Amino acid sequence: MRNVILSVLLSWPSPVQQATGLSPAQDANRPQPTSDISQLRAKAESGDPDAENDLGVRYRIGEGVEKDKEEALRWYRKAAKQGSAAAMFNLGAAYYNGDGVKVDDVISCAWFLLAEEAGYPSADEAVRRSTSESASRPIVAAEKVGEMYEKGEELPKNADNALKWYRRAADRGSPQASLNAAALLANKPNPTQENLAEARKRCEDAAKSDDGPAAFCMATIYKRGLGVAQDAAEGAKWLIRAANDGHPKAMLQLGEAYWKGDGVKPNLITAYVWIWMAYRLNVSGAEQDEETLRNQMNAKDVVKARKNAETWPVRGRVLVLHKH
């Protein structure tokens, strides 16, 4: 069994600290908080991140309030979202130890990385321990931090910070982080040529993993002409790879390409096969395409296409379709 990581204790000596001999974690430039729980709660409820974290610790150890690990986590999250390094560390420790939440080594490491960046003294050791347990964990955790900034739930929504962390994970070998970075770069309100060139490079890096999302990324690059000249045929080639790997949106777009002859020779039966599969996978826009294309085809060809779709091989397996 691995050793636990201790959470940050209160910033004043508590009975628990005195009993364990652990010294208080205190910032010399930070005002001394009062031990009066009502005053601490008032400060926390007014949005003071230090008070929010300290109130969380109070709930964690049951000092002045009834012990409540879930309430402790709620206050840690509030403080962490405002940039409290101590609260970030406490969240990392909670996920590492399974303290009030299920053990999650990736989320734990993500919070430790954030605490380390924010300058919390013990975070670097926590990151080293996490890395010693799994060399790939900090890479996946950096990607998780990017997601947290992109979604704006656990952290303030910030596309630039999300991109920074995605780049960090991508540069260390994460295909998904490369794709996430490419998407942010390509979808900037006014992307520069440098942005588009990097987006293309990130897609190319991810495509080395030979999976559906990476191939779909490359298809998008060529179809939209992002950092390269538009090339419908090249885009279709990548769509075929992505669709054959089971990428739902690629299936729809490939069906539309065969329908319109966009980069491939027009073929309504093949178009319907892919659109029908996308429709059965509930891809947005597929239902309307299916109805419109079906009305352009004779009934015999529709039946044939549906039979082909039901057993279409996708990378050595049969795609399981949802029933409507």
Protein backbone atom coordinates (compact mmCIF):
# COMPACT_ATOMS: atom_id res chain seq x y z
CA MET A 1 0.00 0.00 0.00
CA ARG A 2 1.42 3.38 -0.93
CA ASN A 3 1.94 6.13 1.62
CA VAL A 4 -0.65 8.85 1.90
CA ILE A 5 0.08 12.45 1.00
CA LEU A 6 -0.81 14.82 3.83
CA SER A 7 -3.14 17.70 3.08
CA VAL A 8 -2.22 21.26 3.96
CA LEU A 9 -3.10 21.90 7.58
CA LEU A 10 -4.64 25.00 9.02
CA SER A 11 -2.58 28.15 9.09
CA TRP A 12 -2.75 28.29 12.86
CA PRO A 13 -1.83 25.58 15.42
CA SER A 14 -4.81 23.30 15.98
CA PRO A 15 -5.27 20.47 18.48
CA VAL A 16 -4.71 18.02 15.62
CA GLN A 17 -1.43 19.70 14.64
CA GLN A 18 -0.23 19.82 18.24
CA ALA A 19 -0.97 16.11 18.64
CA THR A 20 0.84 15.11 15.44
CA GLY A 21 3.70 17.55 15.77
CA LEU A 22 3.07 18.91 12.27
CA SER A 23 3.87 22.59 11.92
CA PRO A 24 1.31 24.98 10.46
CA ALA A 25 1.44 25.82 6.76
CA GLN A 26 1.59 29.59 6.68
CA ASP A 27 2.51 32.26 4.20
CA ALA A 28 4.52 34.96 5.94
CA ASN A 29 2.86 37.63 3.81
CA ARG A 30 -0.60 36.37 4.60
CA PRO A 31 -2.68 37.88 7.44
CA GLN A 32 -3.20 35.63 10.45
CA PRO A 33 -6.66 34.11 10.23
CA THR A 34 -8.84 34.03 13.31
CA SER A 35 -9.71 30.74 14.95
CA ASP A 36 -13.31 31.92 15.36
CA ILE A 37 -15.34 29.73 13.00
CA SER A 38 -18.06 32.35 12.42
CA GLN A 39 -15.52 34.93 11.29
CA LEU A 40 -13.72 32.38 9.14
CA ARG A 41 -17.00 31.34 7.51
CA ALA A 42 -17.92 34.96 6.86
CA LYS A 43 -14.60 35.55 5.11
CA ALA A 44 -14.97 32.34 3.11
CA GLU A 45 -18.51 33.19 2.06
CA SER A 46 -17.32 36.62 0.94
CA GLY A 47 -14.97 34.87 -1.51
CA ASP A 48 -11.61 35.02 0.26
CA PRO A 49 -9.65 32.05 -1.18
CA ASP A 50 -7.42 31.59 1.87
CA ALA A 51 -10.45 31.48 4.14
CA GLU A 52 -12.21 29.11 1.75
CA ASN A 53 -9.30 26.71 1.90
CA ASP A 54 -8.96 27.01 5.68
CA LEU A 55 -12.68 26.39 6.13
CA GLY A 56 -12.27 23.31 3.97
CA VAL A 57 -9.50 22.08 6.25
CA ARG A 58 -11.73 22.74 9.27
CA TYR A 59 -14.39 20.50 7.74
CA ARG A 60 -11.77 17.90 6.86
CA ILE A 61 -10.48 17.54 10.42
CA GLY A 62 -13.72 18.42 12.22
CA GLU A 63 -12.42 21.43 14.14
CA GLY A 64 -15.12 23.91 15.09
CA VAL A 65 -17.53 22.20 12.72
CA GLU A 66 -18.83 18.67 12.24
CA LYS A 67 -16.36 16.64 10.18
CA ASP A 68 -17.55 16.52 6.57
CA LYS A 69 -15.13 15.50 3.81
CA GLU A 70 -17.52 16.38 1.00
CA GLU A 71 -17.99 19.88 2.40
CA ALA A 72 -14.23 20.17 2.75
CA LEU A 73 -13.84 19.37 -0.94
CA ARG A 74 -16.48 21.93 -1.87
CA TRP A 75 -14.52 24.68 -0.17
CA TYR A 76 -11.21 23.47 -1.59
CA ARG A 77 -12.72 23.69 -5.08
CA LYS A 78 -13.92 27.23 -4.50
CA ALA A 79 -10.47 28.28 -3.32
CA ALA A 80 -8.62 26.42 -6.08
CA LYS A 81 -10.73 28.07 -8.77
CA GLN A 82 -9.49 31.40 -7.43
CA GLY A 83 -5.88 30.28 -7.62
CA SER A 84 -5.17 29.03 -4.07
CA ALA A 85 -2.07 26.85 -4.34
CA ALA A 86 -2.81 25.25 -0.97
CA ALA A 87 -6.33 24.29 -2.05
CA MET A 88 -4.98 22.82 -5.28
CA PHE A 89 -2.57 20.73 -3.24
CA ASN A 90 -5.38 19.66 -0.89
CA LEU A 91 -7.47 18.51 -3.84
CA GLY A 92 -4.50 16.57 -5.19
CA ALA A 93 -4.02 14.91 -1.81
CA ALA A 94 -7.72 14.06 -1.56
CA TYR A 95 -7.74 12.33 -4.94
CA TYR A 96 -4.42 10.61 -4.23
CA ASN A 97 -5.55 9.27 -0.86
CA GLY A 98 -9.20 8.66 -1.72
CA ASP A 99 -10.14 11.12 1.01
CA GLY A 100 -13.79 12.01 0.42
CA VAL A 101 -13.56 10.99 -3.25
CA LYS A 102 -12.55 7.88 -5.15
CA VAL A 103 -8.83 7.55 -5.80
CA ASP A 104 -8.01 9.07 -9.17
CA ASP A 105 -4.29 9.29 -9.86
CA VAL A 106 -4.66 11.42 -12.99
CA ILE A 107 -6.85 14.07 -11.37
CA SER A 108 -4.62 13.97 -8.31
CA CYS A 109 -1.53 14.60 -10.41
CA ALA A 110 -3.33 17.36 -12.32
CA TRP A 111 -3.96 19.26 -9.10
CA PHE A 112 -0.41 18.67 -7.92
CA LEU A 113 0.89 20.09 -11.22
CA LEU A 114 -1.28 23.15 -10.75
CA ALA A 115 -0.15 23.55 -7.15
CA GLU A 116 3.46 23.23 -8.28
CA GLU A 117 2.98 25.92 -10.93
CA ALA A 118 1.32 28.15 -8.33
CA GLY A 119 4.38 27.76 -6.10
CA TYR A 120 3.15 25.49 -3.31
CA PRO A 121 6.32 24.11 -1.61
CA SER A 122 5.31 20.45 -1.20
CA ALA A 123 3.81 20.08 -4.66
CA ASP A 124 7.06 19.31 -6.46
CA GLU A 125 7.63 16.30 -4.20
CA ALA A 126 4.06 15.12 -4.80
CA VAL A 127 4.61 15.38 -8.56
CA ARG A 128 7.85 13.44 -8.26
CA ARG A 129 6.12 10.70 -6.29
CA SER A 130 3.30 10.50 -8.81
CA THR A 131 5.81 10.33 -11.67
CA SER A 132 7.77 7.58 -9.94
CA GLU A 133 4.59 5.50 -9.82
CA SER A 134 3.81 6.07 -13.51
CA ALA A 135 6.06 7.91 -15.96
CA SER A 136 3.09 8.67 -18.24
CA ARG A 137 0.85 10.04 -15.50
CA PRO A 138 2.08 13.67 -15.62
CA ILE A 139 1.50 13.67 -19.39
CA VAL A 140 -2.11 12.56 -19.04
CA ALA A 141 -2.50 14.90 -16.07
CA ALA A 142 -1.25 17.88 -18.09
CA GLU A 143 -3.85 17.03 -20.72
CA LYS A 144 -6.46 16.92 -17.93
CA VAL A 145 -5.44 20.40 -16.77
CA GLY A 146 -5.93 21.62 -20.33
CA GLU A 147 -9.43 20.15 -20.33
CA MET A 148 -10.18 21.82 -16.99
CA TYR A 149 -9.21 25.22 -18.38
CA GLU A 150 -11.09 24.61 -21.62
CA LYS A 151 -14.33 23.56 -19.91
CA GLY A 152 -14.20 26.22 -17.20
CA GLU A 153 -15.76 24.12 -14.45
CA GLU A 154 -12.96 23.32 -12.00
CA LEU A 155 -10.84 26.27 -13.16
CA PRO A 156 -11.66 29.62 -14.77
CA LYS A 157 -12.31 29.10 -18.47
CA ASN A 158 -9.19 30.17 -20.31
CA ALA A 159 -8.36 29.02 -23.84
CA ASP A 160 -4.77 30.29 -23.66
CA ASN A 161 -4.07 28.31 -20.49
CA ALA A 162 -5.80 25.27 -21.98
CA LEU A 163 -3.59 25.51 -25.05
CA LYS A 164 -0.45 25.86 -22.89
CA TRP A 165 -1.21 22.63 -21.02
CA TYR A 166 -2.30 20.76 -24.15
CA ARG A 167 1.01 21.73 -25.76
CA ARG A 168 2.87 20.49 -22.70
CA ALA A 169 1.18 17.09 -22.93
CA ALA A 170 1.42 16.95 -26.73
CA ASP A 171 5.14 17.70 -26.71
CA ARG A 172 5.58 14.71 -24.41
CA GLY A 173 3.76 12.35 -26.73
CA SER A 174 -0.01 12.60 -26.14
CA PRO A 175 -1.94 12.25 -29.44
CA GLN A 176 -5.19 13.44 -27.84
CA ALA A 177 -3.51 16.56 -26.47
CA SER A 178 -2.14 17.25 -29.95
CA LEU A 179 -5.69 17.07 -31.32
CA ASN A 180 -7.05 19.29 -28.58
CA ALA A 181 -4.34 21.87 -29.23
CA ALA A 182 -5.01 21.73 -32.97
CA ALA A 183 -8.71 22.33 -32.40
CA LEU A 184 -8.07 25.37 -30.20
CA LEU A 185 -5.60 26.81 -32.69
CA ALA A 186 -7.79 26.26 -35.75
CA ASN A 187 -10.90 27.59 -34.07
CA LYS A 188 -9.44 30.83 -32.77
CA PRO A 189 -11.64 33.81 -33.75
CA ASN A 190 -8.92 35.17 -36.05
CA PRO A 191 -6.26 32.49 -36.42
CA THR A 192 -2.91 33.57 -37.78
CA GLN A 193 -1.01 31.60 -40.40
CA GLU A 194 1.30 30.58 -37.58
CA ASN A 195 -1.69 29.23 -35.64
CA LEU A 196 -2.89 27.26 -38.65
CA ALA A 197 0.56 25.90 -39.40
CA GLU A 198 0.87 24.66 -35.83
CA ALA A 199 -2.64 23.15 -35.97
CA ARG A 200 -1.63 21.20 -39.07
CA LYS A 201 1.59 20.04 -37.41
CA ARG A 202 -0.29 18.95 -34.30
CA CYS A 203 -2.73 16.94 -36.43
CA GLU A 204 0.15 15.32 -38.30
CA ASP A 205 1.79 14.37 -35.00
CA ALA A 206 -1.44 12.82 -33.75
CA ALA A 207 -1.98 11.00 -37.06
CA LYS A 208 1.14 8.95 -36.37
CA SER A 209 -1.00 7.08 -33.83
CA ASP A 210 -3.19 5.94 -36.74
CA ASP A 211 -6.57 6.39 -35.05
CA GLY A 212 -9.91 7.81 -36.14
CA PRO A 213 -9.86 11.21 -34.40
CA ALA A 214 -6.37 11.97 -35.74
CA ALA A 215 -7.37 11.02 -39.28
CA PHE A 216 -10.50 13.18 -38.94
CA CYS A 217 -8.32 16.06 -37.83
CA MET A 218 -6.21 15.69 -40.98
CA ALA A 219 -9.36 15.52 -43.11
CA THR A 220 -10.52 18.79 -41.58
CA ILE A 221 -7.14 20.41 -42.24
CA TYR A 222 -7.31 19.61 -45.97
CA LYS A 223 -11.04 20.18 -46.43
CA ARG A 224 -10.86 23.65 -44.86
CA GLY A 225 -7.38 24.53 -46.11
CA LEU A 226 -5.96 25.19 -42.64
CA GLY A 227 -2.27 25.91 -43.07
CA VAL A 228 -2.31 24.13 -46.45
CA ALA A 229 -4.04 24.57 -49.80
CA GLN A 230 -7.56 23.16 -49.84
CA ASP A 231 -7.50 19.65 -51.26
CA ALA A 232 -10.81 17.77 -51.43
CA ALA A 233 -9.19 14.55 -52.61
CA GLU A 234 -6.65 14.53 -49.79
CA GLY A 235 -9.40 15.38 -47.34
CA ALA A 236 -11.51 12.49 -48.61
CA LYS A 237 -8.56 10.13 -48.25
CA TRP A 238 -8.30 11.01 -44.57
CA LEU A 239 -12.07 10.80 -44.15
CA ILE A 240 -11.98 7.25 -45.45
CA ARG A 241 -9.34 6.35 -42.87
CA ALA A 242 -11.28 7.99 -40.08
CA ALA A 243 -14.63 6.49 -41.07
CA ASN A 244 -13.12 3.01 -41.40
CA ASP A 245 -11.82 3.45 -37.87
CA GLY A 246 -15.36 4.13 -36.65
CA HIS A 247 -15.31 7.92 -36.30
CA PRO A 248 -19.02 8.92 -36.41
CA LYS A 249 -18.63 12.45 -37.83
CA ALA A 250 -16.22 11.15 -40.44
CA MET A 251 -18.85 8.66 -41.53
CA LEU A 252 -21.35 11.42 -42.14
CA GLN A 253 -18.89 13.64 -43.96
CA LEU A 254 -17.62 10.75 -46.08
CA GLY A 255 -21.19 9.91 -47.02
CA GLU A 256 -21.75 13.51 -48.03
CA ALA A 257 -18.52 13.45 -50.06
CA TYR A 258 -19.70 10.40 -52.05
CA TRP A 259 -23.12 12.00 -52.45
CA LYS A 260 -21.72 15.25 -53.87
CA GLY A 261 -18.58 13.87 -55.51
CA ASP A 262 -16.41 16.00 -53.27
CA GLY A 263 -12.90 14.56 -53.64
CA VAL A 264 -14.24 11.13 -54.64
CA LYS A 265 -16.25 9.73 -57.52
CA PRO A 266 -20.00 10.14 -56.81
CA ASN A 267 -21.71 6.95 -55.66
CA LEU A 268 -25.15 7.18 -54.07
CA ILE A 269 -25.17 3.66 -52.65
CA THR A 270 -21.80 4.16 -50.93
CA ALA A 271 -22.95 7.59 -49.79
CA TYR A 272 -26.08 6.10 -48.26
CA VAL A 273 -24.10 3.35 -46.50
CA TRP A 274 -22.04 5.93 -44.60
CA ILE A 275 -24.90 8.34 -43.97
CA TRP A 276 -27.12 5.51 -42.76
CA MET A 277 -24.43 4.37 -40.31
CA ALA A 278 -23.99 7.94 -39.07
CA TYR A 279 -27.75 8.22 -38.69
CA ARG A 280 -27.86 5.01 -36.66
CA LEU A 281 -25.11 6.44 -34.44
CA ASN A 282 -27.21 9.57 -33.84
CA VAL A 283 -24.76 11.95 -35.52
CA SER A 284 -26.19 15.45 -35.75
CA GLY A 285 -27.39 16.23 -39.28
CA ALA A 286 -27.44 12.60 -40.39
CA GLU A 287 -31.20 12.18 -40.07
CA GLN A 288 -31.95 14.96 -42.53
CA ASP A 289 -29.26 13.73 -44.95
CA GLU A 290 -30.62 10.19 -44.77
CA GLU A 291 -34.15 11.29 -45.61
CA THR A 292 -33.09 13.57 -48.46
CA LEU A 293 -30.75 11.02 -50.02
CA ARG A 294 -33.23 8.18 -49.61
CA ASN A 295 -35.80 10.18 -51.58
CA GLN A 296 -33.29 10.47 -54.43
CA MET A 297 -32.72 6.70 -54.62
CA ASN A 298 -34.85 3.78 -55.71
CA ALA A 299 -36.09 1.43 -52.98
CA LYS A 300 -33.96 -1.50 -54.17
CA ASP A 301 -30.72 0.48 -53.81
CA VAL A 302 -31.75 1.71 -50.38
CA VAL A 303 -32.31 -1.85 -49.17
CA LYS A 304 -28.97 -2.91 -50.63
CA ALA A 305 -27.14 -0.04 -48.96
CA ARG A 306 -28.72 -0.75 -45.58
CA LYS A 307 -27.71 -4.40 -45.76
CA ASN A 308 -24.16 -3.36 -46.57
CA ALA A 309 -24.19 -0.94 -43.65
CA GLU A 310 -25.33 -3.53 -41.12
CA THR A 311 -22.20 -5.62 -41.59
CA TRP A 312 -19.74 -2.98 -42.73
CA PRO A 313 -16.27 -3.95 -41.46
CA VAL A 314 -14.56 -1.24 -39.51
CA ARG A 315 -10.87 -2.05 -38.93
CA GLY A 316 -11.47 -5.77 -38.60
CA ARG A 317 -14.64 -5.49 -36.56
CA VAL A 318 -18.33 -5.06 -37.30
CA LEU A 319 -19.66 -1.71 -36.19
CA VAL A 320 -22.45 -2.12 -33.66
CA LEU A 321 -25.21 0.27 -34.55
CA HIS A 322 -27.87 1.73 -32.32
CA LYS A 323 -31.41 0.78 -33.22
CA HIS A 324 -33.99 3.39 -34.09
